[in-house]
Amino acid sequence: MKKRDILVFILILGLDQITKIMAFANDSLNVEIIKDFFYLGQVKNTGAAWGVLEGNMLIFYVVTLIAVVYIFRLYKKSSDKPRYLQLATLLLLAGAIGNFIDRIMLGYVRDFLDFYIFGYDFPLFNIADSALVIGVITLIFYVVKHPHEDLI
């Protein structure tokens, strides 16, 4: 890995872990940041998005390890590709590992960002989740733009 990429990875992973520690420093957190739009809360998520497969940690361990190996291979293969593809893989790696750390150390993922979008209370999430979503969207963009390219 290039030094610059290591720094990006550490920055994303560090931001994820530090914000989780801060959000869970107290037993309960319910802070209004922007009325009717953005709050800080606490959820100990033992599932995936929206609590899917709640309590099935073994599945998450196996899937995460497979995903990290695949994403790292994609990162290594992307050295001659556009920079945004490399950044997407770093976001995916940091996000996957950030939530994996929670699952291994705590048995759940710490979610704390709470948004109400057009009256819908969106499920709480964290920085790692954000990195994963941005990474996936960027990867989809790349695949759509280069439909005939084999990524691995």
N, C-alpha and C. Protein backbone atom coordinates (compact mmCIF):
# COMPACT_ATOMS: atom_id res chain seq x y z
N MET A 1 0.84 -1.19 0.00
CA MET A 1 0.00 0.00 0.00
C MET A 1 0.88 1.24 0.00
N LYS A 2 0.43 2.26 -0.71
CA LYS A 2 1.13 3.53 -0.72
C LYS A 2 0.92 4.23 0.63
N LYS A 3 1.90 5.05 1.02
CA LYS A 3 1.80 5.77 2.29
C LYS A 3 0.53 6.61 2.34
N ARG A 4 0.24 7.28 1.25
CA ARG A 4 -0.96 8.13 1.19
C ARG A 4 -2.21 7.30 1.44
N ASP A 5 -2.27 6.11 0.86
CA ASP A 5 -3.44 5.25 1.02
C ASP A 5 -3.53 4.71 2.44
N ILE A 6 -2.39 4.40 3.03
CA ILE A 6 -2.39 3.95 4.42
C ILE A 6 -2.94 5.05 5.33
N LEU A 7 -2.54 6.29 5.06
CA LEU A 7 -3.02 7.42 5.85
C LEU A 7 -4.53 7.60 5.69
N VAL A 8 -5.03 7.48 4.46
CA VAL A 8 -6.48 7.60 4.22
C VAL A 8 -7.21 6.50 4.98
N PHE A 9 -6.71 5.28 4.87
CA PHE A 9 -7.33 4.15 5.56
C PHE A 9 -7.35 4.37 7.07
N ILE A 10 -6.21 4.77 7.63
CA ILE A 10 -6.12 4.99 9.08
C ILE A 10 -7.02 6.14 9.50
N LEU A 11 -7.10 7.19 8.70
CA LEU A 11 -7.96 8.33 9.01
C LEU A 11 -9.43 7.90 9.10
N ILE A 12 -9.90 7.16 8.11
CA ILE A 12 -11.30 6.72 8.10
C ILE A 12 -11.57 5.76 9.26
N LEU A 13 -10.70 4.77 9.42
CA LEU A 13 -10.88 3.80 10.50
C LEU A 13 -10.79 4.48 11.86
N GLY A 14 -9.82 5.38 12.02
CA GLY A 14 -9.67 6.11 13.28
C GLY A 14 -10.87 6.99 13.59
N LEU A 15 -11.36 7.70 12.59
CA LEU A 15 -12.54 8.55 12.79
C LEU A 15 -13.74 7.70 13.20
N ASP A 16 -13.89 6.55 12.58
CA ASP A 16 -14.99 5.65 12.93
C ASP A 16 -14.87 5.22 14.39
N GLN A 17 -13.72 4.74 14.78
CA GLN A 17 -13.56 4.22 16.14
C GLN A 17 -13.65 5.33 17.19
N ILE A 18 -13.05 6.47 16.92
CA ILE A 18 -13.09 7.59 17.88
C ILE A 18 -14.51 8.10 18.07
N THR A 19 -15.25 8.26 16.98
CA THR A 19 -16.63 8.76 17.12
C THR A 19 -17.51 7.74 17.84
N LYS A 20 -17.27 6.46 17.62
CA LYS A 20 -18.04 5.44 18.35
C LYS A 20 -17.73 5.49 19.85
N ILE A 21 -16.47 5.64 20.18
CA ILE A 21 -16.08 5.74 21.60
C ILE A 21 -16.74 6.95 22.24
N MET A 22 -16.71 8.09 21.54
CA MET A 22 -17.30 9.31 22.08
C MET A 22 -18.82 9.17 22.24
N ALA A 23 -19.47 8.58 21.24
CA ALA A 23 -20.92 8.45 21.28
C ALA A 23 -21.38 7.50 22.37
N PHE A 24 -20.55 6.54 22.71
CA PHE A 24 -20.94 5.55 23.72
C PHE A 24 -20.22 5.76 25.05
N ALA A 25 -19.66 6.94 25.26
CA ALA A 25 -18.97 7.24 26.51
C ALA A 25 -19.95 7.30 27.68
N ASN A 26 -21.18 7.68 27.42
CA ASN A 26 -22.23 7.71 28.44
C ASN A 26 -23.17 6.54 28.21
N ASP A 27 -23.92 6.19 29.26
CA ASP A 27 -24.84 5.06 29.15
C ASP A 27 -25.95 5.30 28.14
N SER A 28 -26.37 6.53 28.00
CA SER A 28 -27.41 6.83 27.01
C SER A 28 -27.09 8.17 26.36
N LEU A 29 -27.44 8.27 25.11
CA LEU A 29 -27.19 9.50 24.37
C LEU A 29 -28.41 9.80 23.52
N ASN A 30 -28.93 10.99 23.69
CA ASN A 30 -30.04 11.45 22.87
C ASN A 30 -29.88 12.96 22.76
N VAL A 31 -29.16 13.40 21.72
CA VAL A 31 -28.85 14.81 21.56
C VAL A 31 -29.43 15.32 20.26
N GLU A 32 -30.18 16.39 20.36
CA GLU A 32 -30.74 17.04 19.17
C GLU A 32 -29.68 17.98 18.60
N ILE A 33 -29.29 17.73 17.35
CA ILE A 33 -28.31 18.60 16.68
C ILE A 33 -29.06 19.59 15.80
N ILE A 34 -29.94 19.10 14.93
CA ILE A 34 -30.80 19.93 14.09
C ILE A 34 -32.22 19.41 14.27
N LYS A 35 -33.07 20.23 14.86
CA LYS A 35 -34.43 19.81 15.21
C LYS A 35 -35.15 19.18 14.01
N ASP A 36 -35.78 18.05 14.27
CA ASP A 36 -36.55 17.29 13.29
C ASP A 36 -35.73 16.80 12.10
N PHE A 37 -34.39 16.77 12.24
CA PHE A 37 -33.56 16.29 11.14
C PHE A 37 -32.40 15.42 11.60
N PHE A 38 -31.57 15.90 12.53
CA PHE A 38 -30.35 15.19 12.89
C PHE A 38 -30.17 15.11 14.41
N TYR A 39 -29.99 13.88 14.88
CA TYR A 39 -29.80 13.62 16.31
C TYR A 39 -28.63 12.65 16.49
N LEU A 40 -28.11 12.63 17.70
CA LEU A 40 -27.15 11.59 18.09
C LEU A 40 -27.86 10.68 19.08
N GLY A 41 -27.73 9.39 18.86
CA GLY A 41 -28.36 8.41 19.74
C GLY A 41 -27.41 7.23 19.94
N GLN A 42 -27.95 6.15 20.42
CA GLN A 42 -27.15 4.94 20.63
C GLN A 42 -27.97 3.71 20.28
N VAL A 43 -27.40 2.86 19.45
CA VAL A 43 -27.99 1.56 19.16
C VAL A 43 -26.86 0.55 19.14
N LYS A 44 -27.05 -0.56 19.82
CA LYS A 44 -26.12 -1.68 19.77
C LYS A 44 -26.70 -2.68 18.78
N ASN A 45 -26.20 -2.65 17.56
CA ASN A 45 -26.77 -3.41 16.46
C ASN A 45 -26.09 -4.78 16.34
N THR A 46 -26.86 -5.84 16.56
CA THR A 46 -26.31 -7.19 16.44
C THR A 46 -26.62 -7.79 15.07
N GLY A 47 -27.16 -6.98 14.18
CA GLY A 47 -27.46 -7.45 12.83
C GLY A 47 -26.76 -6.60 11.79
N ALA A 48 -27.28 -6.66 10.58
CA ALA A 48 -26.77 -5.82 9.49
C ALA A 48 -27.66 -4.59 9.42
N ALA A 49 -27.72 -3.97 8.26
CA ALA A 49 -28.57 -2.79 8.07
C ALA A 49 -30.00 -3.12 8.46
N TRP A 50 -30.63 -2.20 9.19
CA TRP A 50 -32.00 -2.36 9.65
C TRP A 50 -32.17 -3.60 10.53
N GLY A 51 -31.08 -4.09 11.14
CA GLY A 51 -31.15 -5.23 12.04
C GLY A 51 -31.33 -6.57 11.35
N VAL A 52 -31.12 -6.62 10.03
CA VAL A 52 -31.27 -7.86 9.27
C VAL A 52 -30.29 -8.90 9.82
N LEU A 53 -30.72 -10.14 9.93
CA LEU A 53 -29.92 -11.27 10.44
C LEU A 53 -29.41 -11.01 11.86
N GLU A 54 -30.23 -10.38 12.65
CA GLU A 54 -29.85 -10.02 14.01
C GLU A 54 -29.37 -11.25 14.80
N GLY A 55 -28.21 -11.08 15.44
CA GLY A 55 -27.67 -12.11 16.31
C GLY A 55 -26.87 -13.21 15.62
N ASN A 56 -26.73 -13.16 14.33
CA ASN A 56 -25.99 -14.20 13.58
C ASN A 56 -24.55 -13.76 13.33
N MET A 57 -23.79 -13.59 14.39
CA MET A 57 -22.43 -13.06 14.29
C MET A 57 -21.52 -13.91 13.41
N LEU A 58 -21.64 -15.23 13.46
CA LEU A 58 -20.75 -16.08 12.67
C LEU A 58 -20.87 -15.74 11.18
N ILE A 59 -22.07 -15.50 10.71
CA ILE A 59 -22.27 -15.13 9.30
C ILE A 59 -21.52 -13.83 9.00
N PHE A 60 -21.62 -12.85 9.89
CA PHE A 60 -20.95 -11.57 9.68
C PHE A 60 -19.44 -11.71 9.70
N TYR A 61 -18.91 -12.56 10.58
CA TYR A 61 -17.47 -12.79 10.62
C TYR A 61 -16.98 -13.35 9.29
N VAL A 62 -17.65 -14.39 8.81
CA VAL A 62 -17.22 -15.07 7.58
C VAL A 62 -17.36 -14.14 6.38
N VAL A 63 -18.51 -13.49 6.25
CA VAL A 63 -18.75 -12.60 5.11
C VAL A 63 -17.76 -11.44 5.12
N THR A 64 -17.50 -10.87 6.29
CA THR A 64 -16.56 -9.75 6.37
C THR A 64 -15.16 -10.18 5.97
N LEU A 65 -14.70 -11.31 6.44
CA LEU A 65 -13.36 -11.78 6.09
C LEU A 65 -13.24 -12.02 4.58
N ILE A 66 -14.25 -12.65 3.99
CA ILE A 66 -14.24 -12.87 2.53
C ILE A 66 -14.24 -11.53 1.80
N ALA A 67 -15.08 -10.60 2.25
CA ALA A 67 -15.17 -9.29 1.61
C ALA A 67 -13.86 -8.53 1.71
N VAL A 68 -13.22 -8.56 2.87
CA VAL A 68 -11.96 -7.83 3.05
C VAL A 68 -10.89 -8.39 2.12
N VAL A 69 -10.80 -9.71 1.99
CA VAL A 69 -9.83 -10.32 1.07
C VAL A 69 -10.11 -9.88 -0.36
N TYR A 70 -11.37 -9.93 -0.77
CA TYR A 70 -11.75 -9.53 -2.13
C TYR A 70 -11.44 -8.05 -2.37
N ILE A 71 -11.82 -7.21 -1.43
CA ILE A 71 -11.62 -5.76 -1.59
C ILE A 71 -10.13 -5.43 -1.63
N PHE A 72 -9.33 -6.09 -0.80
CA PHE A 72 -7.90 -5.85 -0.82
C PHE A 72 -7.30 -6.27 -2.17
N ARG A 73 -7.74 -7.38 -2.71
CA ARG A 73 -7.28 -7.81 -4.04
C ARG A 73 -7.69 -6.77 -5.08
N LEU A 74 -8.90 -6.25 -4.97
CA LEU A 74 -9.36 -5.20 -5.89
C LEU A 74 -8.49 -3.95 -5.74
N TYR A 75 -8.16 -3.59 -4.51
CA TYR A 75 -7.30 -2.43 -4.28
C TYR A 75 -5.95 -2.62 -4.99
N LYS A 76 -5.35 -3.78 -4.79
CA LYS A 76 -4.04 -4.04 -5.41
C LYS A 76 -4.13 -4.00 -6.93
N LYS A 77 -5.23 -4.52 -7.48
CA LYS A 77 -5.41 -4.54 -8.93
C LYS A 77 -5.73 -3.15 -9.49
N SER A 78 -6.18 -2.25 -8.64
CA SER A 78 -6.63 -0.93 -9.11
C SER A 78 -5.51 0.09 -9.22
N SER A 79 -4.27 -0.31 -9.02
CA SER A 79 -3.17 0.67 -9.02
C SER A 79 -3.04 1.41 -10.35
N ASP A 80 -3.44 0.80 -11.45
CA ASP A 80 -3.37 1.47 -12.75
C ASP A 80 -4.73 1.99 -13.21
N LYS A 81 -5.67 2.04 -12.29
CA LYS A 81 -7.03 2.51 -12.59
C LYS A 81 -7.21 3.93 -12.05
N PRO A 82 -8.35 4.55 -12.37
CA PRO A 82 -8.59 5.91 -11.84
C PRO A 82 -8.50 5.95 -10.31
N ARG A 83 -8.02 7.06 -9.81
CA ARG A 83 -7.80 7.22 -8.36
C ARG A 83 -9.09 6.99 -7.56
N TYR A 84 -10.23 7.37 -8.12
CA TYR A 84 -11.46 7.23 -7.35
C TYR A 84 -11.80 5.76 -7.08
N LEU A 85 -11.35 4.84 -7.92
CA LEU A 85 -11.57 3.42 -7.65
C LEU A 85 -10.71 2.98 -6.46
N GLN A 86 -9.49 3.45 -6.41
CA GLN A 86 -8.63 3.13 -5.26
C GLN A 86 -9.23 3.69 -3.96
N LEU A 87 -9.73 4.92 -4.02
CA LEU A 87 -10.35 5.51 -2.84
C LEU A 87 -11.60 4.73 -2.43
N ALA A 88 -12.36 4.27 -3.41
CA ALA A 88 -13.54 3.46 -3.10
C ALA A 88 -13.15 2.20 -2.34
N THR A 89 -12.08 1.55 -2.77
CA THR A 89 -11.64 0.33 -2.09
C THR A 89 -11.15 0.63 -0.68
N LEU A 90 -10.50 1.77 -0.49
CA LEU A 90 -10.06 2.15 0.86
C LEU A 90 -11.25 2.43 1.76
N LEU A 91 -12.28 3.08 1.23
CA LEU A 91 -13.50 3.31 2.00
C LEU A 91 -14.15 1.98 2.39
N LEU A 92 -14.21 1.07 1.44
CA LEU A 92 -14.81 -0.24 1.71
C LEU A 92 -14.01 -1.01 2.76
N LEU A 93 -12.69 -1.01 2.63
CA LEU A 93 -11.85 -1.70 3.62
C LEU A 93 -12.00 -1.10 5.01
N ALA A 94 -11.91 0.21 5.11
CA ALA A 94 -12.00 0.86 6.42
C ALA A 94 -13.39 0.65 7.03
N GLY A 95 -14.42 0.75 6.23
CA GLY A 95 -15.77 0.54 6.74
C GLY A 95 -16.00 -0.88 7.22
N ALA A 96 -15.58 -1.84 6.42
CA ALA A 96 -15.76 -3.25 6.79
C ALA A 96 -14.97 -3.58 8.06
N ILE A 97 -13.73 -3.11 8.12
CA ILE A 97 -12.89 -3.41 9.28
C ILE A 97 -13.37 -2.66 10.52
N GLY A 98 -13.86 -1.43 10.34
CA GLY A 98 -14.39 -0.67 11.47
C GLY A 98 -15.54 -1.38 12.16
N ASN A 99 -16.48 -1.88 11.38
CA ASN A 99 -17.60 -2.61 11.98
C ASN A 99 -17.17 -3.99 12.46
N PHE A 100 -16.19 -4.60 11.79
CA PHE A 100 -15.69 -5.91 12.20
C PHE A 100 -15.04 -5.81 13.59
N ILE A 101 -14.31 -4.73 13.83
CA ILE A 101 -13.70 -4.51 15.15
C ILE A 101 -14.78 -4.51 16.22
N ASP A 102 -15.88 -3.79 15.97
CA ASP A 102 -16.98 -3.77 16.93
C ASP A 102 -17.54 -5.17 17.16
N ARG A 103 -17.79 -5.89 16.09
CA ARG A 103 -18.38 -7.23 16.22
C ARG A 103 -17.48 -8.17 17.03
N ILE A 104 -16.17 -8.12 16.74
CA ILE A 104 -15.23 -8.99 17.44
C ILE A 104 -15.08 -8.57 18.91
N MET A 105 -14.91 -7.28 19.15
CA MET A 105 -14.62 -6.80 20.51
C MET A 105 -15.87 -6.71 21.40
N LEU A 106 -17.01 -6.38 20.81
CA LEU A 106 -18.20 -6.09 21.61
C LEU A 106 -19.37 -7.03 21.36
N GLY A 107 -19.38 -7.69 20.22
CA GLY A 107 -20.51 -8.56 19.88
C GLY A 107 -21.66 -7.80 19.22
N TYR A 108 -21.45 -6.56 18.90
CA TYR A 108 -22.44 -5.72 18.22
C TYR A 108 -21.71 -4.54 17.58
N VAL A 109 -22.42 -3.83 16.71
CA VAL A 109 -21.88 -2.63 16.07
C VAL A 109 -22.51 -1.41 16.72
N ARG A 110 -21.69 -0.42 17.02
CA ARG A 110 -22.18 0.81 17.65
C ARG A 110 -22.65 1.79 16.57
N ASP A 111 -23.93 2.09 16.59
CA ASP A 111 -24.53 3.07 15.67
C ASP A 111 -25.01 4.26 16.48
N PHE A 112 -24.86 5.47 15.91
CA PHE A 112 -25.21 6.66 16.69
C PHE A 112 -25.72 7.85 15.87
N LEU A 113 -25.54 7.84 14.57
CA LEU A 113 -26.02 8.96 13.74
C LEU A 113 -27.49 8.70 13.38
N ASP A 114 -28.35 9.64 13.71
CA ASP A 114 -29.79 9.45 13.58
C ASP A 114 -30.40 10.60 12.77
N PHE A 115 -30.91 10.27 11.60
CA PHE A 115 -31.49 11.29 10.71
C PHE A 115 -32.97 11.03 10.50
N TYR A 116 -33.74 12.12 10.43
CA TYR A 116 -35.14 12.08 10.02
C TYR A 116 -35.18 12.73 8.64
N ILE A 117 -35.48 11.94 7.63
CA ILE A 117 -35.48 12.44 6.26
C ILE A 117 -36.91 12.40 5.73
N PHE A 118 -37.47 13.58 5.46
CA PHE A 118 -38.85 13.72 5.01
C PHE A 118 -39.80 12.97 5.94
N GLY A 119 -39.58 13.10 7.25
CA GLY A 119 -40.43 12.50 8.25
C GLY A 119 -40.12 11.04 8.56
N TYR A 120 -39.19 10.43 7.82
CA TYR A 120 -38.83 9.03 8.05
C TYR A 120 -37.64 8.96 9.00
N ASP A 121 -37.78 8.23 10.08
CA ASP A 121 -36.69 8.05 11.03
C ASP A 121 -35.76 6.98 10.49
N PHE A 122 -34.71 7.42 9.80
CA PHE A 122 -33.76 6.51 9.18
C PHE A 122 -33.04 5.73 10.28
N PRO A 123 -32.77 4.44 10.08
CA PRO A 123 -32.05 3.67 11.10
C PRO A 123 -30.69 4.29 11.43
N LEU A 124 -30.32 4.23 12.69
CA LEU A 124 -29.03 4.80 13.10
C LEU A 124 -27.89 4.09 12.39
N PHE A 125 -26.81 4.83 12.15
CA PHE A 125 -25.64 4.27 11.48
C PHE A 125 -24.39 4.94 12.04
N ASN A 126 -23.23 4.63 11.46
CA ASN A 126 -21.97 5.16 11.96
C ASN A 126 -21.07 5.55 10.79
N ILE A 127 -19.86 5.97 11.09
CA ILE A 127 -18.91 6.41 10.06
C ILE A 127 -18.53 5.24 9.15
N ALA A 128 -18.33 4.05 9.72
CA ALA A 128 -17.98 2.87 8.92
C ALA A 128 -19.08 2.58 7.91
N ASP A 129 -20.33 2.67 8.35
CA ASP A 129 -21.46 2.44 7.43
C ASP A 129 -21.45 3.46 6.30
N SER A 130 -21.16 4.71 6.64
CA SER A 130 -21.09 5.77 5.63
C SER A 130 -19.99 5.48 4.62
N ALA A 131 -18.83 5.05 5.11
CA ALA A 131 -17.72 4.72 4.23
C ALA A 131 -18.10 3.57 3.30
N LEU A 132 -18.79 2.58 3.83
CA LEU A 132 -19.23 1.45 3.01
C LEU A 132 -20.20 1.89 1.91
N VAL A 133 -21.16 2.72 2.27
CA VAL A 133 -22.15 3.17 1.29
C VAL A 133 -21.49 4.01 0.20
N ILE A 134 -20.64 4.94 0.58
CA ILE A 134 -19.94 5.77 -0.41
C ILE A 134 -19.04 4.90 -1.28
N GLY A 135 -18.35 3.96 -0.68
CA GLY A 135 -17.49 3.05 -1.44
C GLY A 135 -18.27 2.21 -2.43
N VAL A 136 -19.41 1.67 -2.02
CA VAL A 136 -20.23 0.85 -2.92
C VAL A 136 -20.78 1.69 -4.06
N ILE A 137 -21.28 2.88 -3.75
CA ILE A 137 -21.82 3.75 -4.81
C ILE A 137 -20.72 4.10 -5.81
N THR A 138 -19.53 4.40 -5.32
CA THR A 138 -18.41 4.73 -6.20
C THR A 138 -18.02 3.53 -7.05
N LEU A 139 -18.01 2.36 -6.45
CA LEU A 139 -17.68 1.13 -7.18
C LEU A 139 -18.73 0.85 -8.26
N ILE A 140 -19.99 1.05 -7.94
CA ILE A 140 -21.06 0.88 -8.94
C ILE A 140 -20.87 1.85 -10.09
N PHE A 141 -20.55 3.10 -9.76
CA PHE A 141 -20.29 4.11 -10.79
C PHE A 141 -19.17 3.63 -11.72
N TYR A 142 -18.10 3.10 -11.13
CA TYR A 142 -16.98 2.63 -11.94
C TYR A 142 -17.41 1.47 -12.85
N VAL A 143 -18.15 0.52 -12.32
CA VAL A 143 -18.60 -0.64 -13.10
C VAL A 143 -19.51 -0.21 -14.24
N VAL A 144 -20.39 0.74 -13.97
CA VAL A 144 -21.29 1.25 -15.02
C VAL A 144 -20.48 1.97 -16.10
N LYS A 145 -19.49 2.71 -15.70
CA LYS A 145 -18.66 3.46 -16.64
C LYS A 145 -17.73 2.55 -17.45
N HIS A 146 -17.35 1.41 -16.87
CA HIS A 146 -16.44 0.44 -17.51
C HIS A 146 -17.08 -0.95 -17.50
N PRO A 147 -18.16 -1.14 -18.24
CA PRO A 147 -18.95 -2.38 -18.13
C PRO A 147 -18.22 -3.66 -18.57
N HIS A 148 -17.24 -3.57 -19.41
CA HIS A 148 -16.58 -4.76 -19.93
C HIS A 148 -15.29 -5.11 -19.19
N GLU A 149 -14.99 -4.35 -18.15
CA GLU A 149 -13.74 -4.58 -17.41
C GLU A 149 -13.97 -5.60 -16.30
N ASP A 150 -13.06 -6.56 -16.20
CA ASP A 150 -13.11 -7.56 -15.15
C ASP A 150 -12.36 -7.02 -13.94
N LEU A 151 -13.08 -6.85 -12.82
CA LEU A 151 -12.42 -6.30 -11.63
C LEU A 151 -11.66 -7.35 -10.84
N ILE A 152 -12.04 -8.60 -10.94
CA ILE A 152 -11.26 -9.69 -10.33
C ILE A 152 -11.76 -11.01 -10.87
